[in-house]
Amino acid sequence: MSGKSIKIRKLAYFIKEITNSSSRIEVVEPREWEKDPINFIGDPTKCKKLLDLEFKTSIKEGLQLTYNRYRLYINQPYWKYLLDYSISQLYI
């Protein structure tokens, strides 16, 4: 939630790099409802105002962390992920 725009294509390349995927990225024309705005810009001000949280992780780092956690827990029960996540939040 940087408040900065990022193109979907760039996100796709980040994900491809993080996952070591050999998938081909296909660029197509946006659908009518996607044309304006083409970029999504998350607004972090509400999170700061309501929860007093500021995130310092870049989108690429966040994607990498999410992917690593997914790979760690992919074959384990969901409750183990929730328990480990909850415990990790106590030490932030």
N, C-alpha and C. Protein backbone atom coordinates (compact mmCIF):
# COMPACT_ATOMS: atom_id res chain seq x y z
N MET A 1 0.83 -1.18 0.00
CA MET A 1 0.00 0.00 0.00
C MET A 1 0.88 1.24 0.00
N SER A 2 1.50 1.48 -1.12
CA SER A 2 2.45 2.56 -1.22
C SER A 2 1.81 3.88 -1.60
N GLY A 3 0.61 3.83 -2.14
CA GLY A 3 0.00 5.04 -2.66
C GLY A 3 0.54 5.39 -4.04
N LYS A 4 1.31 4.49 -4.62
CA LYS A 4 1.88 4.70 -5.96
C LYS A 4 1.27 3.71 -6.92
N SER A 5 1.11 4.11 -8.16
CA SER A 5 0.51 3.22 -9.15
C SER A 5 1.51 2.16 -9.60
N ILE A 6 0.99 1.05 -10.04
CA ILE A 6 1.81 -0.02 -10.61
C ILE A 6 1.01 -0.68 -11.72
N LYS A 7 1.64 -0.94 -12.82
CA LYS A 7 0.95 -1.55 -13.95
C LYS A 7 0.79 -3.05 -13.71
N ILE A 8 -0.32 -3.58 -14.17
CA ILE A 8 -0.62 -5.00 -14.02
C ILE A 8 0.49 -5.84 -14.66
N ARG A 9 1.01 -5.39 -15.77
CA ARG A 9 2.09 -6.11 -16.45
C ARG A 9 3.31 -6.26 -15.53
N LYS A 10 3.64 -5.18 -14.80
CA LYS A 10 4.77 -5.23 -13.88
C LYS A 10 4.50 -6.23 -12.75
N LEU A 11 3.27 -6.25 -12.24
CA LEU A 11 2.90 -7.24 -11.22
C LEU A 11 3.07 -8.65 -11.76
N ALA A 12 2.65 -8.86 -12.99
CA ALA A 12 2.76 -10.19 -13.60
C ALA A 12 4.22 -10.62 -13.69
N TYR A 13 5.10 -9.71 -14.07
CA TYR A 13 6.53 -10.04 -14.16
C TYR A 13 7.13 -10.29 -12.77
N PHE A 14 6.69 -9.52 -11.77
CA PHE A 14 7.14 -9.78 -10.40
C PHE A 14 6.76 -11.19 -9.98
N ILE A 15 5.51 -11.55 -10.21
CA ILE A 15 5.02 -12.88 -9.81
C ILE A 15 5.75 -13.97 -10.58
N LYS A 16 5.96 -13.76 -11.86
CA LYS A 16 6.67 -14.75 -12.67
C LYS A 16 8.09 -14.95 -12.13
N GLU A 17 8.76 -13.87 -11.78
CA GLU A 17 10.12 -13.95 -11.25
C GLU A 17 10.14 -14.64 -9.88
N ILE A 18 9.24 -14.25 -9.00
CA ILE A 18 9.19 -14.80 -7.65
C ILE A 18 8.91 -16.30 -7.65
N THR A 19 8.03 -16.73 -8.54
CA THR A 19 7.63 -18.14 -8.58
C THR A 19 8.49 -18.98 -9.51
N ASN A 20 9.45 -18.36 -10.17
CA ASN A 20 10.29 -19.05 -11.16
C ASN A 20 9.43 -19.75 -12.22
N SER A 21 8.39 -19.08 -12.62
CA SER A 21 7.45 -19.64 -13.58
C SER A 21 7.97 -19.49 -15.01
N SER A 22 7.69 -20.49 -15.82
CA SER A 22 8.02 -20.41 -17.24
C SER A 22 6.80 -20.00 -18.06
N SER A 23 5.73 -19.63 -17.37
CA SER A 23 4.50 -19.20 -18.05
C SER A 23 4.75 -17.98 -18.91
N ARG A 24 4.01 -17.91 -19.99
CA ARG A 24 4.11 -16.77 -20.89
C ARG A 24 3.11 -15.71 -20.43
N ILE A 25 3.53 -14.48 -20.40
CA ILE A 25 2.63 -13.38 -20.05
C ILE A 25 2.02 -12.85 -21.34
N GLU A 26 0.72 -12.91 -21.41
CA GLU A 26 0.01 -12.48 -22.62
C GLU A 26 -0.67 -11.14 -22.34
N VAL A 27 -0.33 -10.16 -23.14
CA VAL A 27 -0.91 -8.83 -22.99
C VAL A 27 -2.10 -8.72 -23.94
N VAL A 28 -3.24 -8.37 -23.39
CA VAL A 28 -4.46 -8.22 -24.18
C VAL A 28 -5.04 -6.83 -23.95
N GLU A 29 -5.93 -6.44 -24.83
CA GLU A 29 -6.60 -5.15 -24.67
C GLU A 29 -7.49 -5.19 -23.43
N PRO A 30 -7.50 -4.10 -22.66
CA PRO A 30 -8.35 -4.08 -21.46
C PRO A 30 -9.84 -4.11 -21.83
N ARG A 31 -10.62 -4.73 -20.97
CA ARG A 31 -12.07 -4.71 -21.16
C ARG A 31 -12.56 -3.30 -20.89
N GLU A 32 -13.75 -2.99 -21.34
CA GLU A 32 -14.28 -1.63 -21.24
C GLU A 32 -14.22 -1.08 -19.82
N TRP A 33 -14.61 -1.88 -18.85
CA TRP A 33 -14.65 -1.40 -17.46
C TRP A 33 -13.26 -1.29 -16.84
N GLU A 34 -12.22 -1.81 -17.51
CA GLU A 34 -10.86 -1.73 -16.99
C GLU A 34 -10.08 -0.54 -17.53
N LYS A 35 -10.62 0.15 -18.49
CA LYS A 35 -9.84 1.19 -19.18
C LYS A 35 -9.54 2.42 -18.35
N ASP A 36 -10.39 2.76 -17.42
CA ASP A 36 -10.15 3.98 -16.66
C ASP A 36 -10.45 3.74 -15.19
N PRO A 37 -9.52 3.67 -14.27
CA PRO A 37 -8.09 3.78 -14.54
C PRO A 37 -7.48 2.42 -14.84
N ILE A 38 -6.43 2.41 -15.64
CA ILE A 38 -5.74 1.17 -15.96
C ILE A 38 -4.91 0.72 -14.76
N ASN A 39 -4.37 1.65 -14.02
CA ASN A 39 -3.58 1.33 -12.83
C ASN A 39 -4.47 1.40 -11.59
N PHE A 40 -4.22 0.51 -10.65
CA PHE A 40 -4.90 0.57 -9.36
C PHE A 40 -3.94 1.21 -8.37
N ILE A 41 -4.42 2.18 -7.65
CA ILE A 41 -3.58 2.83 -6.66
C ILE A 41 -4.24 2.63 -5.30
N GLY A 42 -3.58 1.85 -4.44
CA GLY A 42 -4.07 1.65 -3.09
C GLY A 42 -3.80 2.90 -2.26
N ASP A 43 -4.75 3.28 -1.45
CA ASP A 43 -4.61 4.47 -0.62
C ASP A 43 -4.37 4.05 0.82
N PRO A 44 -3.14 4.21 1.32
CA PRO A 44 -2.80 3.75 2.66
C PRO A 44 -3.27 4.67 3.79
N THR A 45 -3.87 5.81 3.46
CA THR A 45 -4.21 6.77 4.51
C THR A 45 -5.30 6.26 5.45
N LYS A 46 -6.25 5.50 4.94
CA LYS A 46 -7.32 4.98 5.80
C LYS A 46 -6.77 3.96 6.79
N CYS A 47 -5.84 3.15 6.36
CA CYS A 47 -5.21 2.16 7.23
C CYS A 47 -4.44 2.88 8.34
N LYS A 48 -3.75 3.94 7.99
CA LYS A 48 -3.01 4.71 8.98
C LYS A 48 -3.96 5.38 9.96
N LYS A 49 -5.03 5.96 9.43
CA LYS A 49 -5.98 6.70 10.26
C LYS A 49 -6.74 5.77 11.21
N LEU A 50 -7.24 4.66 10.70
CA LEU A 50 -8.08 3.77 11.52
C LEU A 50 -7.28 2.81 12.40
N LEU A 51 -6.16 2.32 11.87
CA LEU A 51 -5.41 1.28 12.59
C LEU A 51 -4.04 1.73 13.07
N ASP A 52 -3.65 2.93 12.69
CA ASP A 52 -2.33 3.46 13.01
C ASP A 52 -1.22 2.53 12.52
N LEU A 53 -1.39 2.00 11.30
CA LEU A 53 -0.41 1.12 10.69
C LEU A 53 0.20 1.78 9.46
N GLU A 54 1.48 1.67 9.36
CA GLU A 54 2.18 2.10 8.15
C GLU A 54 3.03 0.94 7.66
N PHE A 55 2.88 0.60 6.39
CA PHE A 55 3.62 -0.52 5.82
C PHE A 55 4.85 0.01 5.10
N LYS A 56 5.97 -0.64 5.35
CA LYS A 56 7.21 -0.21 4.73
C LYS A 56 7.73 -1.23 3.73
N THR A 57 6.98 -2.30 3.53
CA THR A 57 7.35 -3.35 2.60
C THR A 57 6.92 -2.96 1.19
N SER A 58 7.81 -3.13 0.23
CA SER A 58 7.46 -2.84 -1.15
C SER A 58 6.51 -3.92 -1.68
N ILE A 59 5.86 -3.63 -2.79
CA ILE A 59 4.92 -4.60 -3.37
C ILE A 59 5.66 -5.89 -3.73
N LYS A 60 6.86 -5.77 -4.27
CA LYS A 60 7.62 -6.95 -4.65
C LYS A 60 7.99 -7.78 -3.42
N GLU A 61 8.44 -7.11 -2.36
CA GLU A 61 8.78 -7.83 -1.12
C GLU A 61 7.53 -8.49 -0.52
N GLY A 62 6.41 -7.79 -0.57
CA GLY A 62 5.16 -8.34 -0.05
C GLY A 62 4.72 -9.58 -0.83
N LEU A 63 4.86 -9.53 -2.14
CA LEU A 63 4.54 -10.70 -2.97
C LEU A 63 5.47 -11.86 -2.64
N GLN A 64 6.75 -11.56 -2.45
CA GLN A 64 7.72 -12.61 -2.12
C GLN A 64 7.38 -13.24 -0.76
N LEU A 65 7.06 -12.43 0.23
CA LEU A 65 6.70 -12.94 1.55
C LEU A 65 5.44 -13.80 1.49
N THR A 66 4.45 -13.33 0.73
CA THR A 66 3.20 -14.08 0.59
C THR A 66 3.46 -15.42 -0.09
N TYR A 67 4.26 -15.42 -1.14
CA TYR A 67 4.58 -16.66 -1.86
C TYR A 67 5.35 -17.62 -0.95
N ASN A 68 6.33 -17.11 -0.22
CA ASN A 68 7.10 -17.97 0.70
C ASN A 68 6.20 -18.62 1.74
N ARG A 69 5.28 -17.84 2.30
CA ARG A 69 4.37 -18.37 3.32
C ARG A 69 3.44 -19.41 2.68
N TYR A 70 2.97 -19.13 1.49
CA TYR A 70 2.11 -20.08 0.77
C TYR A 70 2.85 -21.41 0.57
N ARG A 71 4.09 -21.33 0.09
CA ARG A 71 4.87 -22.56 -0.15
C ARG A 71 5.12 -23.32 1.15
N LEU A 72 5.33 -22.60 2.24
CA LEU A 72 5.58 -23.22 3.53
C LEU A 72 4.37 -24.01 4.02
N TYR A 73 3.17 -23.48 3.78
CA TYR A 73 1.97 -24.08 4.34
C TYR A 73 1.08 -24.81 3.34
N ILE A 74 1.52 -24.96 2.11
CA ILE A 74 0.65 -25.52 1.08
C ILE A 74 0.15 -26.93 1.41
N ASN A 75 0.95 -27.73 2.06
CA ASN A 75 0.55 -29.10 2.36
C ASN A 75 0.23 -29.32 3.83
N GLN A 76 -0.02 -28.24 4.56
CA GLN A 76 -0.33 -28.35 5.98
C GLN A 76 -1.74 -27.86 6.25
N PRO A 77 -2.29 -28.27 7.38
CA PRO A 77 -3.64 -27.80 7.74
C PRO A 77 -3.66 -26.27 7.90
N TYR A 78 -4.76 -25.69 7.54
CA TYR A 78 -4.92 -24.24 7.60
C TYR A 78 -4.77 -23.71 9.03
N TRP A 79 -5.22 -24.45 10.02
CA TRP A 79 -5.12 -24.00 11.40
C TRP A 79 -3.67 -23.77 11.81
N LYS A 80 -2.74 -24.56 11.26
CA LYS A 80 -1.32 -24.39 11.61
C LYS A 80 -0.82 -23.05 11.09
N TYR A 81 -1.24 -22.68 9.90
CA TYR A 81 -0.87 -21.38 9.35
C TYR A 81 -1.41 -20.27 10.25
N LEU A 82 -2.68 -20.37 10.63
CA LEU A 82 -3.28 -19.33 11.46
C LEU A 82 -2.59 -19.22 12.81
N LEU A 83 -2.26 -20.35 13.40
CA LEU A 83 -1.59 -20.35 14.69
C LEU A 83 -0.20 -19.71 14.58
N ASP A 84 0.57 -20.13 13.61
CA ASP A 84 1.92 -19.58 13.41
C ASP A 84 1.85 -18.08 13.10
N TYR A 85 0.90 -17.70 12.29
CA TYR A 85 0.75 -16.28 11.94
C TYR A 85 0.39 -15.47 13.19
N SER A 86 -0.53 -15.97 13.98
CA SER A 86 -0.95 -15.26 15.19
C SER A 86 0.22 -15.11 16.14
N ILE A 87 1.00 -16.15 16.31
CA ILE A 87 2.15 -16.08 17.21
C ILE A 87 3.18 -15.09 16.69
N SER A 88 3.39 -15.09 15.36
CA SER A 88 4.38 -14.16 14.79
C SER A 88 3.97 -12.71 15.01
N GLN A 89 2.68 -12.42 15.08
CA GLN A 89 2.20 -11.06 15.25
C GLN A 89 2.45 -10.54 16.68
N LEU A 90 2.63 -11.45 17.61
CA LEU A 90 2.90 -11.05 18.99
C LEU A 90 4.26 -10.43 19.17
N TYR A 91 5.16 -10.71 18.22
CA TYR A 91 6.55 -10.28 18.37
C TYR A 91 6.93 -9.16 17.42
N ILE A 92 5.95 -8.52 16.84
CA ILE A 92 6.24 -7.42 15.90
C ILE A 92 6.54 -6.15 16.67
